[in-house]
C-alpha atoms as a PDB file:
ATOM      1  CA  MET A   1      23.663  17.716 -73.643  1.00  0.00           C
ATOM      2  CA  ASN A   2      25.582  14.744 -74.912  1.00  0.00           C
ATOM      3  CA  THR A   3      26.801  12.655 -72.150  1.00  0.00           C
ATOM      4  CA  THR A   4      27.285   9.341 -73.867  1.00  0.00           C
ATOM      5  CA  THR A   5      30.600   7.637 -73.566  1.00  0.00           C
ATOM      6  CA  LYS A   6      32.588   5.427 -75.590  1.00  0.00           C
ATOM      7  CA  THR A   7      34.128   3.765 -72.561  1.00  0.00           C
ATOM      8  CA  ILE A   8      33.205   3.308 -68.987  1.00  0.00           C
ATOM      9  CA  PRO A   9      36.340   3.070 -66.946  1.00  0.00           C
ATOM     10  CA  SER A  10      36.030   1.147 -63.962  1.00  0.00           C
ATOM     11  CA  PRO A  11      38.474   0.869 -60.868  1.00  0.00           C
ATOM     12  CA  SER A  12      39.867  -2.464 -62.108  1.00  0.00           C
ATOM     13  CA  GLN A  13      40.317  -1.347 -65.779  1.00  0.00           C
ATOM     14  CA  PRO A  14      44.064  -1.526 -66.788  1.00  0.00           C
ATOM     15  CA  ARG A  15      45.833   1.767 -67.401  1.00  0.00           C
ATOM     16  CA  ARG A  16      46.100   2.939 -70.953  1.00  0.00           C
ATOM     17  CA  LYS A  17      49.289   1.699 -72.574  1.00  0.00           C
ATOM     18  CA  GLY A  18      52.068   4.511 -72.575  1.00  0.00           C
ATOM     19  CA  SER A  19      50.293   6.386 -70.057  1.00  0.00           C
ATOM     20  CA  THR A  20      52.484   8.601 -67.666  1.00  0.00           C
ATOM     21  CA  ALA A  21      49.747   9.426 -65.319  1.00  0.00           C
ATOM     22  CA  LEU A  22      50.399   8.613 -61.701  1.00  0.00           C
ATOM     23  CA  PRO A  23      49.146   5.211 -60.905  1.00  0.00           C
ATOM     24  CA  PRO A  24      46.892   3.952 -57.959  1.00  0.00           C
ATOM     25  CA  GLY A  25      48.893   3.597 -54.596  1.00  0.00           C
ATOM     26  CA  ALA A  26      51.125   6.792 -55.453  1.00  0.00           C
ATOM     27  CA  PRO A  27      50.796   9.760 -53.173  1.00  0.00           C
ATOM     28  CA  ALA A  28      49.012  12.665 -54.596  1.00  0.00           C
ATOM     29  CA  PRO A  29      51.218  15.570 -55.062  1.00  0.00           C
ATOM     30  CA  ASP A  30      49.999  18.670 -53.051  1.00  0.00           C
ATOM     31  CA  PHE A  31      49.370  21.863 -55.065  1.00  0.00           C
ATOM     32  CA  ALA A  32      47.961  25.308 -54.603  1.00  0.00           C
ATOM     33  CA  LEU A  33      46.095  26.715 -57.691  1.00  0.00           C
ATOM     34  CA  ARG A  34      43.793  29.723 -58.092  1.00  0.00           C
ATOM     35  CA  SER A  35      39.991  28.919 -58.026  1.00  0.00           C
ATOM     36  CA  THR A  36      39.275  32.706 -58.687  1.00  0.00           C
ATOM     37  CA  PRO A  37      41.433  35.797 -59.400  1.00  0.00           C
ATOM     38  CA  ASP A  38      41.789  36.164 -55.716  1.00  0.00           C
ATOM     39  CA  GLN A  39      41.422  32.764 -54.081  1.00  0.00           C
ATOM     40  CA  THR A  40      43.601  29.684 -53.924  1.00  0.00           C
ATOM     41  CA  VAL A  41      42.785  26.106 -53.152  1.00  0.00           C
ATOM     42  CA  LYS A  42      45.421  23.732 -51.875  1.00  0.00           C
ATOM     43  CA  LEU A  43      44.827  20.069 -52.264  1.00  0.00           C
ATOM     44  CA  SER A  44      46.031  19.413 -48.746  1.00  0.00           C
ATOM     45  CA  GLU A  45      42.984  21.368 -47.406  1.00  0.00           C
ATOM     46  CA  PHE A  46      40.782  18.356 -48.292  1.00  0.00           C
ATOM     47  CA  LEU A  47      42.752  15.617 -46.203  1.00  0.00           C
ATOM     48  CA  GLY A  48      40.301  13.612 -44.417  1.00  0.00           C
ATOM     49  CA  ARG A  49      37.875  13.273 -47.318  1.00  0.00           C
ATOM     50  CA  PRO A  50      37.872  11.943 -50.793  1.00  0.00           C
ATOM     51  CA  VAL A  51      38.831  14.302 -53.777  1.00  0.00           C
ATOM     52  CA  VAL A  52      38.153  13.845 -57.425  1.00  0.00           C
ATOM     53  CA  LEU A  53      40.620  15.594 -59.718  1.00  0.00           C
ATOM     54  CA  ALA A  54      39.261  16.104 -63.148  1.00  0.00           C
ATOM     55  CA  PHE A  55      41.995  17.311 -65.500  1.00  0.00           C
ATOM     56  CA  PHE A  56      40.635  18.727 -68.910  1.00  0.00           C
ATOM     57  CA  PRO A  57      42.201  20.377 -71.891  1.00  0.00           C
ATOM     58  CA  ALA A  58      40.314  23.762 -72.034  1.00  0.00           C
ATOM     59  CA  ASP A  59      37.260  25.641 -71.175  1.00  0.00           C
ATOM     60  CA  TRP A  60      34.771  26.395 -74.014  1.00  0.00           C
ATOM     61  CA  SER A  61      35.571  23.161 -76.114  1.00  0.00           C
ATOM     62  CA  PRO A  62      32.530  20.881 -76.659  1.00  0.00           C
ATOM     63  CA  VAL A  63      33.814  17.743 -74.944  1.00  0.00           C
ATOM     64  CA  CYS A  64      35.081  19.691 -71.962  1.00  0.00           C
ATOM     65  CA  GLY A  65      31.867  21.587 -71.838  1.00  0.00           C
ATOM     66  CA  ASP A  66      29.727  18.429 -71.789  1.00  0.00           C
ATOM     67  CA  GLN A  67      32.170  16.632 -69.280  1.00  0.00           C
ATOM     68  CA  MET A  68      31.996  19.528 -66.734  1.00  0.00           C
ATOM     69  CA  GLY A  69      28.242  19.802 -67.421  1.00  0.00           C
ATOM     70  CA  LEU A  70      27.686  16.227 -66.490  1.00  0.00           C
ATOM     71  CA  TYR A  71      29.767  16.433 -63.438  1.00  0.00           C
ATOM     72  CA  ASN A  72      27.770  19.384 -62.292  1.00  0.00           C
ATOM     73  CA  GLU A  73      24.433  17.671 -62.991  1.00  0.00           C
ATOM     74  CA  ILE A  74      25.544  14.786 -60.687  1.00  0.00           C
ATOM     75  CA  LEU A  75      27.495  16.691 -58.118  1.00  0.00           C
ATOM     76  CA  SER A  76      24.959  15.421 -55.347  1.00  0.00           C
ATOM     77  CA  GLU A  77      26.271  11.936 -56.281  1.00  0.00           C
ATOM     78  CA  PHE A  78      29.799  12.879 -55.581  1.00  0.00           C
ATOM     79  CA  GLN A  79      28.712  14.572 -52.314  1.00  0.00           C
ATOM     80  CA  GLU A  80      27.007  11.465 -51.149  1.00  0.00           C
ATOM     81  CA  PHE A  81      30.550  10.118 -50.836  1.00  0.00           C
ATOM     82  CA  ASP A  82      31.503  13.295 -49.170  1.00  0.00           C
ATOM     83  CA  ALA A  83      34.014  13.780 -52.208  1.00  0.00           C
ATOM     84  CA  GLU A  84      35.329  17.169 -53.277  1.00  0.00           C
ATOM     85  CA  LEU A  85      35.251  17.716 -57.119  1.00  0.00           C
ATOM     86  CA  LEU A  86      37.944  19.790 -58.576  1.00  0.00           C
ATOM     87  CA  GLY A  87      38.282  20.556 -62.271  1.00  0.00           C
ATOM     88  CA  ILE A  88      41.870  21.576 -63.371  1.00  0.00           C
ATOM     89  CA  SER A  89      42.998  22.998 -66.803  1.00  0.00           C
ATOM     90  CA  VAL A  90      45.621  25.328 -67.955  1.00  0.00           C
ATOM     91  CA  ASP A  91      43.184  28.171 -68.588  1.00  0.00           C
ATOM     92  CA  GLY A  92      43.496  31.315 -66.180  1.00  0.00           C
ATOM     93  CA  ALA A  93      41.193  32.093 -63.357  1.00  0.00           C
ATOM     94  CA  TRP A  94      39.348  34.618 -65.358  1.00  0.00           C
ATOM     95  CA  CYS A  95      38.506  32.221 -68.168  1.00  0.00           C
ATOM     96  CA  HIS A  96      37.359  29.756 -65.540  1.00  0.00           C
ATOM     97  CA  ALA A  97      35.207  32.365 -63.872  1.00  0.00           C
ATOM     98  CA  ALA A  98      33.548  33.173 -67.240  1.00  0.00           C
ATOM     99  CA  PHE A  99      33.061  29.553 -68.062  1.00  0.00           C
ATOM    100  CA  CYS A 100      31.739  28.659 -64.559  1.00  0.00           C
ATOM    101  CA  HIS A 101      29.361  31.483 -64.872  1.00  0.00           C
ATOM    102  CA  ASP A 102      28.119  30.632 -68.324  1.00  0.00           C
ATOM    103  CA  ARG A 103      27.794  26.922 -67.524  1.00  0.00           C
ATOM    104  CA  LYS A 104      26.260  27.469 -64.024  1.00  0.00           C
ATOM    105  CA  LEU A 105      28.972  25.148 -62.612  1.00  0.00           C
ATOM    106  CA  HIS A 106      28.723  24.654 -58.661  1.00  0.00           C
ATOM    107  CA  PHE A 107      32.236  23.128 -58.138  1.00  0.00           C
ATOM    108  CA  PRO A 108      35.678  24.830 -58.443  1.00  0.00           C
ATOM    109  CA  LEU A 109      37.730  24.940 -61.736  1.00  0.00           C
ATOM    110  CA  LEU A 110      41.524  25.442 -60.877  1.00  0.00           C
ATOM    111  CA  ALA A 111      43.812  27.460 -63.136  1.00  0.00           C
ATOM    112  CA  ASP A 112      47.071  25.414 -63.734  1.00  0.00           C
ATOM    113  CA  PHE A 113      48.061  28.563 -65.658  1.00  0.00           C
ATOM    114  CA  GLU A 114      51.384  29.754 -64.556  1.00  0.00           C
ATOM    115  CA  PRO A 115      53.603  28.089 -64.516  1.00  0.00           C
ATOM    116  CA  LYS A 116      51.711  26.598 -67.398  1.00  0.00           C
ATOM    117  CA  GLY A 117      50.674  22.942 -66.629  1.00  0.00           C
ATOM    118  CA  GLU A 118      52.889  22.619 -63.456  1.00  0.00           C
ATOM    119  CA  VAL A 119      50.267  20.524 -61.651  1.00  0.00           C
ATOM    120  CA  ALA A 120      49.358  18.537 -64.808  1.00  0.00           C
ATOM    121  CA  ARG A 121      53.096  17.662 -65.128  1.00  0.00           C
ATOM    122  CA  LEU A 122      53.218  16.613 -61.434  1.00  0.00           C
ATOM    123  CA  TYR A 123      50.419  14.058 -62.131  1.00  0.00           C
ATOM    124  CA  GLY A 124      51.920  13.057 -65.481  1.00  0.00           C
ATOM    125  CA  VAL A 125      49.192  14.327 -67.704  1.00  0.00           C
ATOM    126  CA  TYR A 126      50.622  17.424 -69.477  1.00  0.00           C
ATOM    127  CA  ARG A 127      50.568  17.365 -73.185  1.00  0.00           C
ATOM    128  CA  PRO A 128      53.587  19.487 -73.943  1.00  0.00           C
ATOM    129  CA  ASN A 129      52.804  19.544 -77.874  1.00  0.00           C
ATOM    130  CA  ASP A 130      49.443  20.949 -77.277  1.00  0.00           C
ATOM    131  CA  GLY A 131      50.119  22.953 -74.124  1.00  0.00           C
ATOM    132  CA  THR A 132      47.187  21.550 -72.363  1.00  0.00           C
ATOM    133  CA  SER A 133      46.495  18.609 -70.133  1.00  0.00           C
ATOM    134  CA  GLU A 134      45.161  15.170 -70.905  1.00  0.00           C
ATOM    135  CA  ARG A 135      41.527  14.450 -70.037  1.00  0.00           C
ATOM    136  CA  ALA A 136      42.583  12.495 -66.842  1.00  0.00           C
ATOM    137  CA  LEU A 137      40.680  11.556 -63.817  1.00  0.00           C
ATOM    138  CA  PHE A 138      42.061  10.785 -60.229  1.00  0.00           C
ATOM    139  CA  VAL A 139      40.332   9.752 -57.160  1.00  0.00           C
ATOM    140  CA  ILE A 140      42.274  10.507 -54.004  1.00  0.00           C
ATOM    141  CA  ASP A 141      41.498   8.733 -50.666  1.00  0.00           C
ATOM    142  CA  PRO A 142      41.114  10.787 -47.292  1.00  0.00           C
ATOM    143  CA  GLU A 143      44.935  10.127 -46.660  1.00  0.00           C
ATOM    144  CA  GLY A 144      45.972  11.768 -49.933  1.00  0.00           C
ATOM    145  CA  VAL A 145      46.724   8.503 -51.856  1.00  0.00           C
ATOM    146  CA  ILE A 146      45.729   8.065 -55.577  1.00  0.00           C
ATOM    147  CA  ARG A 147      43.314   5.190 -55.493  1.00  0.00           C
ATOM    148  CA  TRP A 148      42.142   5.248 -59.132  1.00  0.00           C
ATOM    149  CA  SER A 149      43.338   7.090 -62.182  1.00  0.00           C
ATOM    150  CA  TYR A 150      42.008   7.180 -65.760  1.00  0.00           C
ATOM    151  CA  VAL A 151      43.317   8.736 -68.934  1.00  0.00           C
ATOM    152  CA  SER A 152      40.644   9.286 -71.773  1.00  0.00           C
ATOM    153  CA  PRO A 153      41.259  10.016 -75.211  1.00  0.00           C
ATOM    154  CA  VAL A 154      41.102  13.802 -75.509  1.00  0.00           C
ATOM    155  CA  GLY A 155      38.001  13.803 -77.710  1.00  0.00           C
ATOM    156  CA  VAL A 156      36.085  11.405 -75.464  1.00  0.00           C
ATOM    157  CA  ASN A 157      34.031  12.388 -72.564  1.00  0.00           C
ATOM    158  CA  PRO A 158      35.001   9.762 -69.936  1.00  0.00           C
ATOM    159  CA  GLY A 159      31.652  10.078 -68.145  1.00  0.00           C
ATOM    160  CA  ALA A 160      31.299   9.551 -64.327  1.00  0.00           C
ATOM    161  CA  ALA A 161      30.678   5.793 -64.020  1.00  0.00           C
ATOM    162  CA  GLY A 162      34.410   5.024 -63.372  1.00  0.00           C
ATOM    163  CA  ILE A 163      34.649   7.837 -60.795  1.00  0.00           C
ATOM    164  CA  LEU A 164      31.439   6.730 -58.947  1.00  0.00           C
ATOM    165  CA  SER A 165      32.695   3.117 -58.911  1.00  0.00           C
ATOM    166  CA  ALA A 166      36.044   4.200 -57.389  1.00  0.00           C
ATOM    167  CA  LEU A 167      34.257   6.295 -54.835  1.00  0.00           C
ATOM    168  CA  GLU A 168      32.086   3.475 -53.868  1.00  0.00           C
ATOM    169  CA  GLU A 169      34.914   1.073 -53.684  1.00  0.00           C
ATOM    170  CA  LEU A 170      36.875   3.642 -51.457  1.00  0.00           C
ATOM    171  CA  GLN A 171      33.779   3.812 -49.201  1.00  0.00           C
ATOM    172  CA  ASN A 172      33.369   0.018 -48.878  1.00  0.00           C
ATOM    173  CA  LYS A 173      36.974  -0.356 -48.031  1.00  0.00           C
ATOM    174  CA  GLY A 174      36.359   2.342 -45.274  1.00  0.00           C
ATOM    175  CA  ASN A 175      33.559   0.626 -43.891  1.00  0.00           C
ATOM    176  CA  LYS A 176      35.273  -2.759 -43.451  1.00  0.00           C
ATOM    177  CA  GLN A 177      38.124  -1.195 -41.382  1.00  0.00           C
END
């Protein structure tokens, strides 16, 4: 698996010019999306703990497969921060189920399928020309506020360093209070 990245976004890295992604400090819009054909996950279910949202363009693409595979390999590092990881794309729940089974993923992939891209639009990361979402990452604090966001070029795996740095910074702020 190729997990190298061209950039390692950090919590202090400036936002990409022209990005419409919700910035740090914005309240994270609540949503309810299917995690399986018969189960729904609501963001508000995770209030009280950090959440990582990983928007990605599509199941089965090489970069998306590498990115989700990397997050699966280091899932225990997210769990050390008590963080919930949620992958989100415009693929349907059945497609996600097959992708999760094939890649042996141990975190939920949520279907932003119908209305197509509604949650990606709420977060400012929908790509209307492609009908997919940006490759975008958000770290949300236990109170439901975005504390870090990053939009990677679609063809670049953003890796996990920025997410882990943001979670560490969030934990350190919580320990000081």
